[in-house]
């Protein structure tokens, strides 16, 4: 047997594939579910203005696991100029998996972020996709003027997703819900009165249905008599 002879192609290919597989598994072992890397995605973004505070609720999904999300930036833009930036870092850096879970801001002398009111949440379960993939964040900051909200989420590999929401706080006291279309990152703003409108429409439909049904019963009774 000649040891210097090259390995057969099928055996060589198998070794390469196994090496790649175990490399991926090792790198995903601390922050992932062992699948090829994909970028994070936004779910529902909710902006609530109340009691001189603005709350930004974020639902972020990463199909590699919520643990693969490294950093989330929320910046305020006022007529084209950035006025404040808020940051959530899940890890201290991209070289390690040391948990940080820290909120901070780079707003200069004007401190807007209320750290004690900010929070993060993820499920410790593994039963559902939501348990394994969803990270929920709450940014709370003092009311201030801005015309646009920019949100950027990044994972360990540098893949990002972003959303931009036009929002003029000077017009009125506003609270909005925004749904991000998966894959397109197109924000759809749900007006504050949307749920009330649905309730009114359902009430009208229910009333019409009841009147029609009650009217038919009376008509049938009269026919029998």
C-alpha atoms as a PDB file:
ATOM      1  CA  UNK A   1       0.000   0.000   0.000  1.00  0.00           C
ATOM      2  CA  UNK A   2       1.394   3.391  -0.984  1.00  0.00           C
ATOM      3  CA  UNK A   3       0.703   6.060   1.657  1.00  0.00           C
ATOM      4  CA  UNK A   4       1.723   8.803  -0.710  1.00  0.00           C
ATOM      5  CA  UNK A   5      -1.174   8.079  -3.038  1.00  0.00           C
ATOM      6  CA  UNK A   6      -3.963  10.693  -3.026  1.00  0.00           C
ATOM      7  CA  UNK A   7      -7.194   9.888  -1.223  1.00  0.00           C
ATOM      8  CA  UNK A   8     -10.090   8.739  -3.399  1.00  0.00           C
ATOM      9  CA  UNK A   9     -12.367  11.645  -4.388  1.00  0.00           C
ATOM     10  CA  UNK A  10     -15.502  10.377  -2.523  1.00  0.00           C
ATOM     11  CA  UNK A  11     -13.523   9.925   0.715  1.00  0.00           C
ATOM     12  CA  UNK A  12     -11.859  13.330   0.326  1.00  0.00           C
ATOM     13  CA  UNK A  13     -15.253  14.989  -0.268  1.00  0.00           C
ATOM     14  CA  UNK A  14     -16.747  13.284   2.787  1.00  0.00           C
ATOM     15  CA  UNK A  15     -13.896  14.487   5.007  1.00  0.00           C
ATOM     16  CA  UNK A  16     -14.322  18.066   3.756  1.00  0.00           C
ATOM     17  CA  UNK A  17     -18.107  18.016   4.367  1.00  0.00           C
ATOM     18  CA  UNK A  18     -17.687  16.594   7.868  1.00  0.00           C
ATOM     19  CA  UNK A  19     -15.103  19.262   8.657  1.00  0.00           C
ATOM     20  CA  UNK A  20     -17.476  22.024   7.497  1.00  0.00           C
ATOM     21  CA  UNK A  21     -20.378  20.514   9.442  1.00  0.00           C
ATOM     22  CA  UNK A  22     -18.485  20.290  12.737  1.00  0.00           C
ATOM     23  CA  UNK A  23     -17.087  23.790  12.239  1.00  0.00           C
ATOM     24  CA  UNK A  24     -20.605  25.186  11.844  1.00  0.00           C
ATOM     25  CA  UNK A  25     -21.857  23.189  14.831  1.00  0.00           C
ATOM     26  CA  UNK A  26     -18.976  24.414  16.987  1.00  0.00           C
ATOM     27  CA  UNK A  27     -19.480  28.067  16.049  1.00  0.00           C
ATOM     28  CA  UNK A  28     -23.251  27.800  16.608  1.00  0.00           C
ATOM     29  CA  UNK A  29     -22.975  25.898  19.832  1.00  0.00           C
ATOM     30  CA  UNK A  30     -22.985  29.002  22.037  1.00  0.00           C
ATOM     31  CA  UNK A  31     -25.318  31.244  20.059  1.00  0.00           C
ATOM     32  CA  UNK A  32     -27.447  29.460  17.533  1.00  0.00           C
ATOM     33  CA  UNK A  33     -29.366  26.352  16.602  1.00  0.00           C
ATOM     34  CA  UNK A  34     -26.784  24.950  14.210  1.00  0.00           C
ATOM     35  CA  UNK A  35     -28.161  26.254  10.903  1.00  0.00           C
ATOM     36  CA  UNK A  36     -26.425  28.370   8.272  1.00  0.00           C
ATOM     37  CA  UNK A  37     -26.354  32.034   9.161  1.00  0.00           C
ATOM     38  CA  UNK A  38     -29.312  34.248   8.218  1.00  0.00           C
ATOM     39  CA  UNK A  39     -29.932  37.897   8.999  1.00  0.00           C
ATOM     40  CA  UNK A  40     -32.296  39.007  11.784  1.00  0.00           C
ATOM     41  CA  UNK A  41     -35.851  40.100  10.954  1.00  0.00           C
ATOM     42  CA  UNK A  42     -38.224  42.584  12.563  1.00  0.00           C
ATOM     43  CA  UNK A  43     -41.704  41.576  13.624  1.00  0.00           C
ATOM     44  CA  UNK A  44     -43.970  44.226  15.142  1.00  0.00           C
ATOM     45  CA  UNK A  45     -42.521  47.607  16.097  1.00  0.00           C
ATOM     46  CA  UNK A  46     -44.618  49.633  18.499  1.00  0.00           C
ATOM     47  CA  UNK A  47     -44.056  53.280  19.404  1.00  0.00           C
ATOM     48  CA  UNK A  48     -45.979  54.644  22.411  1.00  0.00           C
ATOM     49  CA  UNK A  49     -45.845  58.242  23.639  1.00  0.00           C
ATOM     50  CA  UNK A  50     -47.169  58.728  27.165  1.00  0.00           C
ATOM     51  CA  UNK A  51     -46.326  60.702  30.336  1.00  0.00           C
ATOM     52  CA  UNK A  52     -43.421  62.568  28.721  1.00  0.00           C
ATOM     53  CA  UNK A  53     -41.802  59.275  27.718  1.00  0.00           C
ATOM     54  CA  UNK A  54     -41.543  57.500  24.396  1.00  0.00           C
ATOM     55  CA  UNK A  55     -41.439  53.717  24.434  1.00  0.00           C
ATOM     56  CA  UNK A  56     -40.204  51.715  21.456  1.00  0.00           C
ATOM     57  CA  UNK A  57     -41.162  48.032  21.593  1.00  0.00           C
ATOM     58  CA  UNK A  58     -39.177  45.798  19.238  1.00  0.00           C
ATOM     59  CA  UNK A  59     -39.762  42.185  18.305  1.00  0.00           C
ATOM     60  CA  UNK A  60     -36.701  40.765  16.545  1.00  0.00           C
ATOM     61  CA  UNK A  61     -36.371  37.224  15.178  1.00  0.00           C
ATOM     62  CA  UNK A  62     -33.219  35.392  14.185  1.00  0.00           C
ATOM     63  CA  UNK A  63     -33.608  31.854  12.872  1.00  0.00           C
ATOM     64  CA  UNK A  64     -30.121  31.057  14.135  1.00  0.00           C
ATOM     65  CA  UNK A  65     -31.540  31.805  17.613  1.00  0.00           C
ATOM     66  CA  UNK A  66     -32.100  35.018  19.537  1.00  0.00           C
ATOM     67  CA  UNK A  67     -28.614  34.419  20.984  1.00  0.00           C
ATOM     68  CA  UNK A  68     -27.126  35.225  17.584  1.00  0.00           C
ATOM     69  CA  UNK A  69     -28.272  38.862  17.785  1.00  0.00           C
ATOM     70  CA  UNK A  70     -25.279  40.989  18.741  1.00  0.00           C
ATOM     71  CA  UNK A  71     -26.361  44.634  18.771  1.00  0.00           C
ATOM     72  CA  UNK A  72     -29.465  46.768  18.138  1.00  0.00           C
ATOM     73  CA  UNK A  73     -29.278  50.511  17.378  1.00  0.00           C
ATOM     74  CA  UNK A  74     -32.206  52.925  17.595  1.00  0.00           C
ATOM     75  CA  UNK A  75     -31.431  56.410  16.305  1.00  0.00           C
ATOM     76  CA  UNK A  76     -33.557  59.553  16.137  1.00  0.00           C
ATOM     77  CA  UNK A  77     -33.367  61.792  13.121  1.00  0.00           C
ATOM     78  CA  UNK A  78     -34.672  65.345  13.054  1.00  0.00           C
ATOM     79  CA  UNK A  79     -35.053  66.734   9.515  1.00  0.00           C
ATOM     80  CA  UNK A  80     -32.071  64.764   8.233  1.00  0.00           C
ATOM     81  CA  UNK A  81     -29.792  65.271  11.240  1.00  0.00           C
ATOM     82  CA  UNK A  82     -29.211  62.504  13.799  1.00  0.00           C
ATOM     83  CA  UNK A  83     -30.142  63.836  17.229  1.00  0.00           C
ATOM     84  CA  UNK A  84     -29.737  60.743  19.417  1.00  0.00           C
ATOM     85  CA  UNK A  85     -28.724  57.094  19.304  1.00  0.00           C
ATOM     86  CA  UNK A  86     -29.648  54.316  21.717  1.00  0.00           C
ATOM     87  CA  UNK A  87     -27.892  50.953  21.787  1.00  0.00           C
ATOM     88  CA  UNK A  88     -28.597  47.494  23.156  1.00  0.00           C
ATOM     89  CA  UNK A  89     -25.628  45.113  23.207  1.00  0.00           C
ATOM     90  CA  UNK A  90     -26.257  41.492  24.064  1.00  0.00           C
ATOM     91  CA  UNK A  91     -22.515  40.711  24.171  1.00  0.00           C
ATOM     92  CA  UNK A  92     -19.422  42.729  25.031  1.00  0.00           C
ATOM     93  CA  UNK A  93     -17.844  42.077  21.611  1.00  0.00           C
ATOM     94  CA  UNK A  94     -18.003  39.768  18.604  1.00  0.00           C
ATOM     95  CA  UNK A  95     -14.964  37.766  19.680  1.00  0.00           C
ATOM     96  CA  UNK A  96     -16.613  36.127  22.679  1.00  0.00           C
ATOM     97  CA  UNK A  97     -20.001  35.022  23.931  1.00  0.00           C
ATOM     98  CA  UNK A  98     -19.754  36.899  27.211  1.00  0.00           C
ATOM     99  CA  UNK A  99     -23.234  38.243  27.952  1.00  0.00           C
ATOM    100  CA  UNK A 100     -23.551  41.994  28.501  1.00  0.00           C
ATOM    101  CA  UNK A 101     -27.249  42.857  27.983  1.00  0.00           C
ATOM    102  CA  UNK A 102     -26.586  46.574  28.298  1.00  0.00           C
ATOM    103  CA  UNK A 103     -28.519  49.647  27.177  1.00  0.00           C
ATOM    104  CA  UNK A 104     -26.560  52.812  26.428  1.00  0.00           C
ATOM    105  CA  UNK A 105     -26.769  56.028  24.422  1.00  0.00           C
ATOM    106  CA  UNK A 106     -24.518  58.316  22.434  1.00  0.00           C
ATOM    107  CA  UNK A 107     -26.599  61.471  22.739  1.00  0.00           C
ATOM    108  CA  UNK A 108     -23.878  63.785  24.038  1.00  0.00           C
ATOM    109  CA  UNK A 109     -24.800  66.027  26.931  1.00  0.00           C
ATOM    110  CA  UNK A 110     -28.520  65.603  26.371  1.00  0.00           C
ATOM    111  CA  UNK A 111     -29.300  62.391  28.258  1.00  0.00           C
ATOM    112  CA  UNK A 112     -32.560  60.985  26.937  1.00  0.00           C
ATOM    113  CA  UNK A 113     -32.446  57.238  27.567  1.00  0.00           C
ATOM    114  CA  UNK A 114     -34.102  56.039  30.777  1.00  0.00           C
ATOM    115  CA  UNK A 115     -32.087  52.883  31.398  1.00  0.00           C
ATOM    116  CA  UNK A 116     -34.020  51.737  34.446  1.00  0.00           C
ATOM    117  CA  UNK A 117     -37.187  51.511  32.349  1.00  0.00           C
ATOM    118  CA  UNK A 118     -35.558  49.707  29.417  1.00  0.00           C
ATOM    119  CA  UNK A 119     -35.798  45.927  29.285  1.00  0.00           C
ATOM    120  CA  UNK A 120     -35.137  42.821  27.230  1.00  0.00           C
ATOM    121  CA  UNK A 121     -36.915  39.476  27.167  1.00  0.00           C
ATOM    122  CA  UNK A 122     -36.409  36.081  25.588  1.00  0.00           C
ATOM    123  CA  UNK A 123     -37.865  32.690  26.317  1.00  0.00           C
ATOM    124  CA  UNK A 124     -35.728  30.036  27.975  1.00  0.00           C
ATOM    125  CA  UNK A 125     -37.827  27.348  26.324  1.00  0.00           C
ATOM    126  CA  UNK A 126     -37.038  25.469  23.128  1.00  0.00           C
ATOM    127  CA  UNK A 127     -40.440  24.042  22.225  1.00  0.00           C
ATOM    128  CA  UNK A 128     -41.446  26.534  19.546  1.00  0.00           C
ATOM    129  CA  UNK A 129     -39.747  28.654  16.890  1.00  0.00           C
ATOM    130  CA  UNK A 130     -40.712  31.779  18.852  1.00  0.00           C
ATOM    131  CA  UNK A 131     -39.021  30.377  21.965  1.00  0.00           C
ATOM    132  CA  UNK A 132     -35.786  29.783  20.115  1.00  0.00           C
ATOM    133  CA  UNK A 133     -35.728  32.814  17.822  1.00  0.00           C
ATOM    134  CA  UNK A 134     -37.502  35.860  19.308  1.00  0.00           C
ATOM    135  CA  UNK A 135     -35.872  38.672  21.257  1.00  0.00           C
ATOM    136  CA  UNK A 136     -38.066  41.460  22.627  1.00  0.00           C
ATOM    137  CA  UNK A 137     -36.596  44.844  23.508  1.00  0.00           C
ATOM    138  CA  UNK A 138     -38.043  47.944  25.113  1.00  0.00           C
ATOM    139  CA  UNK A 139     -36.296  51.295  24.692  1.00  0.00           C
ATOM    140  CA  UNK A 140     -37.634  54.132  26.868  1.00  0.00           C
ATOM    141  CA  UNK A 141     -36.482  57.731  26.465  1.00  0.00           C
ATOM    142  CA  UNK A 142     -37.686  61.211  27.326  1.00  0.00           C
ATOM    143  CA  UNK A 143     -39.962  62.922  24.822  1.00  0.00           C
ATOM    144  CA  UNK A 144     -37.999  64.896  22.274  1.00  0.00           C
ATOM    145  CA  UNK A 145     -38.553  66.229  18.792  1.00  0.00           C
ATOM    146  CA  UNK A 146     -37.673  63.998  15.854  1.00  0.00           C
ATOM    147  CA  UNK A 147     -39.043  63.249  12.410  1.00  0.00           C
ATOM    148  CA  UNK A 148     -37.683  59.758  11.779  1.00  0.00           C
ATOM    149  CA  UNK A 149     -36.896  56.616  13.736  1.00  0.00           C
ATOM    150  CA  UNK A 150     -34.103  54.410  12.381  1.00  0.00           C
ATOM    151  CA  UNK A 151     -33.626  50.883  13.722  1.00  0.00           C
ATOM    152  CA  UNK A 152     -30.701  48.582  12.897  1.00  0.00           C
ATOM    153  CA  UNK A 153     -30.126  45.044  14.206  1.00  0.00           C
ATOM    154  CA  UNK A 154     -26.888  43.109  13.607  1.00  0.00           C
ATOM    155  CA  UNK A 155     -25.819  39.540  14.288  1.00  0.00           C
ATOM    156  CA  UNK A 156     -22.397  38.069  15.058  1.00  0.00           C
ATOM    157  CA  UNK A 157     -21.527  37.636  11.392  1.00  0.00           C
ATOM    158  CA  UNK A 158     -22.337  41.252  10.554  1.00  0.00           C
ATOM    159  CA  UNK A 159     -25.638  40.523   8.780  1.00  0.00           C
ATOM    160  CA  UNK A 160     -28.121  43.313   9.404  1.00  0.00           C
ATOM    161  CA  UNK A 161     -31.740  44.306   9.057  1.00  0.00           C
ATOM    162  CA  UNK A 162     -33.118  47.822   9.313  1.00  0.00           C
ATOM    163  CA  UNK A 163     -36.357  49.760   9.435  1.00  0.00           C
ATOM    164  CA  UNK A 164     -37.109  53.463   8.982  1.00  0.00           C
ATOM    165  CA  UNK A 165     -40.289  55.017  10.374  1.00  0.00           C
ATOM    166  CA  UNK A 166     -41.399  58.591   9.736  1.00  0.00           C
ATOM    167  CA  UNK A 167     -42.659  60.074  12.987  1.00  0.00           C
ATOM    168  CA  UNK A 168     -43.335  63.739  13.740  1.00  0.00           C
ATOM    169  CA  UNK A 169     -43.790  64.143  17.473  1.00  0.00           C
ATOM    170  CA  UNK A 170     -44.596  67.843  17.084  1.00  0.00           C
ATOM    171  CA  UNK A 171     -47.881  67.161  15.282  1.00  0.00           C
ATOM    172  CA  UNK A 172     -49.726  65.485  18.157  1.00  0.00           C
ATOM    173  CA  UNK A 173     -49.388  63.014  20.977  1.00  0.00           C
ATOM    174  CA  UNK A 174     -49.037  59.830  18.983  1.00  0.00           C
ATOM    175  CA  UNK A 175     -48.780  56.113  19.537  1.00  0.00           C
ATOM    176  CA  UNK A 176     -48.359  53.833  16.549  1.00  0.00           C
ATOM    177  CA  UNK A 177     -47.998  50.164  15.748  1.00  0.00           C
ATOM    178  CA  UNK A 178     -45.847  49.167  12.804  1.00  0.00           C
ATOM    179  CA  UNK A 179     -45.798  45.758  11.139  1.00  0.00           C
ATOM    180  CA  UNK A 180     -42.688  44.939   9.117  1.00  0.00           C
ATOM    181  CA  UNK A 181     -43.328  42.773   6.027  1.00  0.00           C
ATOM    182  CA  UNK A 182     -40.890  39.825   6.319  1.00  0.00           C
ATOM    183  CA  UNK A 183     -38.186  39.815   3.653  1.00  0.00           C
ATOM    184  CA  UNK A 184     -38.991  43.333   2.463  1.00  0.00           C
ATOM    185  CA  UNK A 185     -38.605  45.353   5.697  1.00  0.00           C
ATOM    186  CA  UNK A 186     -41.419  47.628   4.535  1.00  0.00           C
ATOM    187  CA  UNK A 187     -43.138  49.271   7.527  1.00  0.00           C
ATOM    188  CA  UNK A 188     -46.948  49.340   7.586  1.00  0.00           C
ATOM    189  CA  UNK A 189     -48.256  51.829  10.139  1.00  0.00           C
ATOM    190  CA  UNK A 190     -51.449  50.831  11.959  1.00  0.00           C
ATOM    191  CA  UNK A 191     -53.389  53.963  13.050  1.00  0.00           C
ATOM    192  CA  UNK A 192     -54.286  54.240  16.757  1.00  0.00           C
ATOM    193  CA  UNK A 193     -57.994  54.104  15.947  1.00  0.00           C
ATOM    194  CA  UNK A 194     -57.637  50.930  13.865  1.00  0.00           C
ATOM    195  CA  UNK A 195     -58.780  48.533  16.611  1.00  0.00           C
ATOM    196  CA  UNK A 196     -61.720  50.789  17.492  1.00  0.00           C
ATOM    197  CA  UNK A 197     -62.713  50.859  13.822  1.00  0.00           C
ATOM    198  CA  UNK A 198     -62.614  47.052  13.631  1.00  0.00           C
ATOM    199  CA  UNK A 199     -64.750  46.826  16.796  1.00  0.00           C
ATOM    200  CA  UNK A 200     -67.345  49.204  15.312  1.00  0.00           C
ATOM    201  CA  UNK A 201     -67.458  47.290  12.004  1.00  0.00           C
ATOM    202  CA  UNK A 202     -67.854  43.947  13.799  1.00  0.00           C
ATOM    203  CA  UNK A 203     -70.592  45.470  15.959  1.00  0.00           C
ATOM    204  CA  UNK A 204     -72.487  46.687  12.881  1.00  0.00           C
ATOM    205  CA  UNK A 205     -72.141  43.293  11.178  1.00  0.00           C
ATOM    206  CA  UNK A 206     -73.376  41.543  14.331  1.00  0.00           C
ATOM    207  CA  UNK A 207     -76.373  43.897  14.606  1.00  0.00           C
ATOM    208  CA  UNK A 208     -77.336  43.361  10.958  1.00  0.00           C
ATOM    209  CA  UNK A 209     -77.022  39.598  11.366  1.00  0.00           C
ATOM    210  CA  UNK A 210     -79.195  39.629  14.500  1.00  0.00           C
ATOM    211  CA  UNK A 211     -81.861  41.817  12.863  1.00  0.00           C
ATOM    212  CA  UNK A 212     -81.999  39.595   9.764  1.00  0.00           C
ATOM    213  CA  UNK A 213     -82.186  36.412  11.834  1.00  0.00           C
ATOM    214  CA  UNK A 214     -84.821  37.826  14.193  1.00  0.00           C
ATOM    215  CA  UNK A 215     -86.815  39.168  11.251  1.00  0.00           C
ATOM    216  CA  UNK A 216     -86.838  35.779   9.521  1.00  0.00           C
ATOM    217  CA  UNK A 217     -88.069  34.077  12.694  1.00  0.00           C
ATOM    218  CA  UNK A 218     -90.946  36.520  13.027  1.00  0.00           C
ATOM    219  CA  UNK A 219     -91.826  36.070   9.368  1.00  0.00           C
ATOM    220  CA  UNK A 220     -91.849  32.285   9.732  1.00  0.00           C
ATOM    221  CA  UNK A 221     -94.081  32.529  12.826  1.00  0.00           C
ATOM    222  CA  UNK A 222     -96.558  34.712  10.965  1.00  0.00           C
ATOM    223  CA  UNK A 223     -96.585  32.238   8.074  1.00  0.00           C
ATOM    224  CA  UNK A 224     -97.440  29.377  10.438  1.00  0.00           C
ATOM    225  CA  UNK A 225    -100.267  31.364  12.011  1.00  0.00           C
END
